[in-house]
C-alpha atoms as a PDB file:
ATOM      1  CA  MET A   1      34.881  17.164  41.116  1.00  0.00           C
ATOM      2  CA  ARG A   2      37.994  18.374  39.407  1.00  0.00           C
ATOM      3  CA  ALA A   3      41.258  16.886  40.605  1.00  0.00           C
ATOM      4  CA  ARG A   4      42.694  20.372  41.101  1.00  0.00           C
ATOM      5  CA  ASP A   5      39.999  21.664  43.436  1.00  0.00           C
ATOM      6  CA  LYS A   6      42.192  21.532  46.522  1.00  0.00           C
ATOM      7  CA  ALA A   7      39.749  23.438  48.723  1.00  0.00           C
ATOM      8  CA  ALA A   8      36.934  20.972  48.058  1.00  0.00           C
ATOM      9  CA  VAL A   9      39.160  17.922  48.485  1.00  0.00           C
ATOM     10  CA  SER A  10      40.580  19.221  51.758  1.00  0.00           C
ATOM     11  CA  ALA A  11      37.184  20.248  53.135  1.00  0.00           C
ATOM     12  CA  LEU A  12      35.553  16.945  52.230  1.00  0.00           C
ATOM     13  CA  ARG A  13      38.399  14.813  53.596  1.00  0.00           C
ATOM     14  CA  THR A  14      38.483  16.551  56.952  1.00  0.00           C
ATOM     15  CA  THR A  15      34.697  16.589  57.213  1.00  0.00           C
ATOM     16  CA  LEU A  16      34.532  12.850  56.498  1.00  0.00           C
ATOM     17  CA  ALA A  17      37.100  12.337  59.258  1.00  0.00           C
ATOM     18  CA  ALA A  18      35.009  14.482  61.624  1.00  0.00           C
ATOM     19  CA  LEU A  19      31.924  12.410  60.779  1.00  0.00           C
ATOM     20  CA  ASP A  20      33.894   9.220  61.386  1.00  0.00           C
ATOM     21  CA  ASN A  21      35.014  10.556  64.778  1.00  0.00           C
ATOM     22  CA  ALA A  22      31.450  11.548  65.663  1.00  0.00           C
ATOM     23  CA  GLU A  23      30.319   7.962  65.035  1.00  0.00           C
ATOM     24  CA  ALA A  24      33.009   6.476  67.285  1.00  0.00           C
ATOM     25  CA  VAL A  25      31.943   4.637  70.409  1.00  0.00           C
ATOM     26  CA  PRO A  26      32.593   6.770  73.499  1.00  0.00           C
ATOM     27  CA  VAL A  27      35.222   5.344  75.824  1.00  0.00           C
ATOM     28  CA  GLY A  28      34.468   5.494  79.516  1.00  0.00           C
ATOM     29  CA  GLU A  29      36.991   6.187  82.253  1.00  0.00           C
ATOM     30  CA  ALA A  30      36.963   2.530  83.332  1.00  0.00           C
ATOM     31  CA  GLU A  31      38.116   1.412  79.876  1.00  0.00           C
ATOM     32  CA  LEU A  32      40.943   3.932  79.918  1.00  0.00           C
ATOM     33  CA  ARG A  33      42.327   2.519  83.167  1.00  0.00           C
ATOM     34  CA  GLY A  34      42.337  -1.012  81.790  1.00  0.00           C
ATOM     35  CA  SER A  35      41.838  -4.270  83.575  1.00  0.00           C
ATOM     36  CA  ALA A  36      43.719  -7.429  84.335  1.00  0.00           C
ATOM     37  CA  LEU A  37      44.886  -9.447  81.350  1.00  0.00           C
ATOM     38  CA  GLU A  38      42.954 -12.510  82.486  1.00  0.00           C
ATOM     39  CA  GLN A  39      39.718 -10.481  82.320  1.00  0.00           C
ATOM     40  CA  SER A  40      40.296  -9.464  78.692  1.00  0.00           C
ATOM     41  CA  PRO A  41      37.848 -10.751  76.074  1.00  0.00           C
ATOM     42  CA  VAL A  42      39.170 -13.566  73.905  1.00  0.00           C
ATOM     43  CA  GLY A  43      38.424 -14.572  70.338  1.00  0.00           C
ATOM     44  CA  ALA A  44      37.944 -13.010  66.944  1.00  0.00           C
ATOM     45  CA  GLY A  45      35.775  -9.914  67.184  1.00  0.00           C
ATOM     46  CA  ALA A  46      35.557 -10.047  70.985  1.00  0.00           C
ATOM     47  CA  THR A  47      36.602  -6.433  71.281  1.00  0.00           C
ATOM     48  CA  GLU A  48      34.527  -5.118  68.368  1.00  0.00           C
ATOM     49  CA  ALA A  49      31.928  -2.473  69.178  1.00  0.00           C
ATOM     50  CA  ALA A  50      29.135  -1.257  66.954  1.00  0.00           C
ATOM     51  CA  ARG A  51      29.656   2.323  65.853  1.00  0.00           C
ATOM     52  CA  CYS A  52      27.111   4.984  66.685  1.00  0.00           C
ATOM     53  CA  GLU A  53      24.859   6.047  63.826  1.00  0.00           C
ATOM     54  CA  LEU A  54      24.323   9.745  63.293  1.00  0.00           C
ATOM     55  CA  SER A  55      20.911  10.972  62.283  1.00  0.00           C
ATOM     56  CA  GLU A  56      20.603  13.272  59.298  1.00  0.00           C
ATOM     57  CA  GLN A  57      20.444  16.188  61.724  1.00  0.00           C
ATOM     58  CA  GLY A  58      23.616  14.931  63.416  1.00  0.00           C
ATOM     59  CA  VAL A  59      25.446  14.762  60.098  1.00  0.00           C
ATOM     60  CA  LEU A  60      24.262  18.262  59.177  1.00  0.00           C
ATOM     61  CA  ALA A  61      25.403  19.558  62.576  1.00  0.00           C
ATOM     62  CA  VAL A  62      28.900  18.137  62.062  1.00  0.00           C
ATOM     63  CA  VAL A  63      29.153  19.621  58.553  1.00  0.00           C
ATOM     64  CA  ARG A  64      27.876  22.985  59.821  1.00  0.00           C
ATOM     65  CA  ALA A  65      30.390  22.913  62.708  1.00  0.00           C
ATOM     66  CA  GLU A  66      33.235  22.190  60.284  1.00  0.00           C
ATOM     67  CA  ALA A  67      32.199  25.138  58.090  1.00  0.00           C
ATOM     68  CA  ASP A  68      31.856  27.436  61.113  1.00  0.00           C
ATOM     69  CA  GLU A  69      35.261  26.359  62.402  1.00  0.00           C
ATOM     70  CA  ARG A  70      36.869  27.339  59.103  1.00  0.00           C
ATOM     71  CA  LEU A  71      35.107  30.708  59.005  1.00  0.00           C
ATOM     72  CA  VAL A  72      36.210  31.528  62.559  1.00  0.00           C
ATOM     73  CA  ALA A  73      39.793  30.516  61.801  1.00  0.00           C
ATOM     74  CA  ALA A  74      39.781  32.607  58.617  1.00  0.00           C
ATOM     75  CA  ALA A  75      38.490  35.627  60.528  1.00  0.00           C
ATOM     76  CA  GLN A  76      41.348  35.309  63.010  1.00  0.00           C
ATOM     77  CA  LEU A  77      43.979  35.329  60.254  1.00  0.00           C
ATOM     78  CA  THR A  78      44.149  39.075  59.732  1.00  0.00           C
ATOM     79  CA  ALA A  79      47.834  39.501  58.930  1.00  0.00           C
ATOM     80  CA  PRO A  80      48.618  40.010  55.236  1.00  0.00           C
ATOM     81  CA  ALA A  81      51.049  37.096  55.409  1.00  0.00           C
ATOM     82  CA  HIS A  82      48.116  34.778  56.158  1.00  0.00           C
ATOM     83  CA  ALA A  83      45.827  36.008  53.372  1.00  0.00           C
ATOM     84  CA  ASP A  84      46.294  32.852  51.275  1.00  0.00           C
ATOM     85  CA  ARG A  85      45.484  30.553  54.197  1.00  0.00           C
ATOM     86  CA  ALA A  86      42.423  32.637  55.133  1.00  0.00           C
ATOM     87  CA  ALA A  87      41.191  32.513  51.526  1.00  0.00           C
ATOM     88  CA  LEU A  88      41.615  28.728  51.452  1.00  0.00           C
ATOM     89  CA  LEU A  89      39.656  28.366  54.698  1.00  0.00           C
ATOM     90  CA  ARG A  90      36.854  30.534  53.317  1.00  0.00           C
ATOM     91  CA  ALA A  91      36.790  28.470  50.117  1.00  0.00           C
ATOM     92  CA  GLU A  92      36.583  25.246  52.146  1.00  0.00           C
ATOM     93  CA  ALA A  93      33.742  26.692  54.228  1.00  0.00           C
ATOM     94  CA  ALA A  94      31.921  27.673  51.030  1.00  0.00           C
ATOM     95  CA  VAL A  95      32.154  24.091  49.756  1.00  0.00           C
ATOM     96  CA  LEU A  96      30.626  22.766  52.968  1.00  0.00           C
ATOM     97  CA  LEU A  97      27.904  25.417  53.057  1.00  0.00           C
ATOM     98  CA  ARG A  98      26.934  24.520  49.479  1.00  0.00           C
ATOM     99  CA  LEU A  99      26.498  20.925  50.627  1.00  0.00           C
ATOM    100  CA  LEU A 100      24.134  22.096  53.365  1.00  0.00           C
ATOM    101  CA  GLU A 101      22.082  24.052  50.828  1.00  0.00           C
ATOM    102  CA  ALA A 102      21.946  21.262  48.211  1.00  0.00           C
ATOM    103  CA  PRO A 103      18.363  20.881  46.915  1.00  0.00           C
ATOM    104  CA  ASP A 104      18.634  17.094  46.477  1.00  0.00           C
ATOM    105  CA  ARG A 105      19.402  16.681  50.178  1.00  0.00           C
ATOM    106  CA  ALA A 106      15.706  16.980  51.099  1.00  0.00           C
END
């Protein structure tokens, strides 16, 4: 990838972040309220939790959602002053859609 392909870099960075968020362990309401300090786990790694693993279909769904989000946002930017931003969003969506259509993904 060329260093100057800002649309691709931006799309891939934000999509990787979305994938990372999708693999995060869900936090229940009880964990948000907290508990007494004396009930806290102790020791190295005591609070570590295994991350969720997305299936291939889950990964594809996240990438597709990111592309759709950009296309919807670009469609809402109708003012001439926002033409550059809309074009960038469409270019980012195109990068992600090409990833979904990649022949070596099969």
